[in-house]
Amino acid sequence: VDTLDDTLPFLDILLHPDLSNSVYRKPTHTESYTHYSTSTPQSTEDSLIRLLTRCAYDICSPQHLQHELQHIHMDFHIFITRNSANRSATSCNDTYFLQHAL
């Protein structure tokens, strides 16, 4: 049990005292999924956004869902901004998932 706010991490879930859930990330989590200068296929990037968004909907209680979706949005906004310098244009699929996840 985390003594600061009485939360309990269990696998990928953070259990709160009010019996609600949110996504748990280890303190060592770097928010880095793929390096922006690699040649990661666009389908892999799209799948990663879909996976994290789906996990947010599956794990989070309603009061924590918006915060988690904003977290994902910020992570990938930074990733896409960096990655767009290496590509001619940002993928429509990335933009679609980020806009519709919120």
Protein backbone atom coordinates (compact mmCIF):
# COMPACT_ATOMS: atom_id res chain seq x y z
CA VAL A 1 0.00 0.00 0.00
CA ASP A 2 1.28 3.44 -0.93
CA THR A 3 1.30 5.31 2.35
CA LEU A 4 0.95 8.75 0.75
CA ASP A 5 -2.55 8.28 -0.62
CA ASP A 6 -3.52 4.73 0.45
CA THR A 7 -3.53 3.35 -3.08
CA LEU A 8 -2.64 -0.23 -3.89
CA PRO A 9 -0.88 -1.15 -7.15
CA PHE A 10 -1.88 -4.56 -8.51
CA LEU A 11 -0.55 -5.64 -11.91
CA ASP A 12 -1.55 -2.78 -14.27
CA ILE A 13 -4.26 -1.43 -11.97
CA LEU A 14 -4.03 1.15 -9.22
CA LEU A 15 -6.73 0.56 -6.61
CA HIS A 16 -7.92 3.68 -4.80
CA PRO A 17 -9.44 3.86 -1.27
CA ASP A 18 -12.86 4.73 -2.74
CA LEU A 19 -12.73 1.36 -4.62
CA SER A 20 -12.12 3.04 -7.97
CA ASN A 21 -9.39 1.99 -10.44
CA SER A 22 -6.88 3.70 -12.67
CA VAL A 23 -3.91 2.64 -14.78
CA TYR A 24 -0.78 1.92 -12.74
CA ARG A 25 2.67 2.85 -14.00
CA LYS A 26 5.83 1.96 -12.14
CA PRO A 27 7.83 4.90 -10.78
CA THR A 28 10.57 4.01 -13.27
CA HIS A 29 8.21 4.28 -16.28
CA THR A 30 9.74 6.69 -18.81
CA GLU A 31 6.67 7.36 -21.00
CA SER A 32 8.79 6.18 -23.93
CA TYR A 33 7.20 3.56 -26.15
CA THR A 34 9.29 3.76 -29.31
CA HIS A 35 12.18 6.03 -30.15
CA TYR A 36 11.09 8.77 -32.51
CA SER A 37 14.10 8.40 -34.80
CA THR A 38 13.52 4.71 -35.53
CA SER A 39 11.70 3.43 -38.57
CA THR A 40 8.73 2.10 -36.66
CA PRO A 41 5.97 1.07 -39.07
CA GLN A 42 2.95 3.36 -38.99
CA SER A 43 0.71 0.38 -38.22
CA THR A 44 2.72 -0.31 -35.05
CA GLU A 45 2.33 3.28 -33.88
CA ASP A 46 -1.42 3.19 -34.61
CA SER A 47 -1.79 -0.11 -32.75
CA LEU A 48 0.05 1.25 -29.73
CA ILE A 49 -2.31 4.21 -29.48
CA ARG A 50 -5.33 1.91 -29.82
CA LEU A 51 -3.95 -0.49 -27.19
CA LEU A 52 -3.29 2.20 -24.58
CA THR A 53 -6.68 3.81 -25.21
CA ARG A 54 -8.44 0.46 -24.95
CA CYS A 55 -6.62 -0.31 -21.68
CA ALA A 56 -7.70 3.05 -20.29
CA TYR A 57 -11.36 2.27 -21.07
CA ASP A 58 -11.06 -1.27 -19.68
CA ILE A 59 -9.21 -0.43 -16.46
CA CYS A 60 -10.22 3.07 -15.38
CA SER A 61 -13.25 3.95 -13.32
CA PRO A 62 -15.28 6.82 -14.79
CA GLN A 63 -13.73 9.43 -12.47
CA HIS A 64 -10.19 8.51 -13.64
CA LEU A 65 -10.82 7.90 -17.35
CA GLN A 66 -10.51 11.49 -18.58
CA HIS A 67 -7.20 11.98 -16.77
CA GLU A 68 -5.78 8.79 -18.31
CA LEU A 69 -6.91 9.74 -21.83
CA GLN A 70 -5.27 13.15 -21.42
CA HIS A 71 -2.09 11.40 -20.27
CA ILE A 72 -2.08 9.24 -23.42
CA HIS A 73 -2.82 12.28 -25.56
CA MET A 74 0.13 14.22 -24.14
CA ASP A 75 2.51 11.25 -24.52
CA PHE A 76 1.65 10.78 -28.18
CA HIS A 77 1.37 14.46 -29.00
CA ILE A 78 5.03 14.77 -28.04
CA PHE A 79 5.89 11.57 -29.93
CA ILE A 80 4.06 12.63 -33.08
CA THR A 81 5.54 16.12 -32.97
CA ARG A 82 9.05 14.68 -32.80
CA ASN A 83 8.32 11.98 -35.34
CA SER A 84 6.75 14.34 -37.88
CA ALA A 85 10.15 15.93 -38.40
CA ASN A 86 11.31 12.53 -39.69
CA ARG A 87 8.29 12.07 -41.97
CA SER A 88 6.69 14.20 -44.61
CA ALA A 89 3.39 14.42 -42.71
CA THR A 90 1.72 13.13 -39.56
CA SER A 91 -0.53 10.15 -40.15
CA CYS A 92 -4.25 10.77 -40.35
CA ASN A 93 -4.76 7.66 -38.21
CA ASP A 94 -2.67 9.06 -35.33
CA THR A 95 -4.57 12.32 -35.41
CA TYR A 96 -7.92 10.50 -35.55
CA PHE A 97 -7.20 8.33 -32.50
CA LEU A 98 -5.86 11.20 -30.43
CA GLN A 99 -8.83 13.44 -31.22
CA HIS A 100 -11.47 10.77 -30.68
CA ALA A 101 -9.98 9.26 -27.53
CA LEU A 102 -10.86 12.43 -25.62
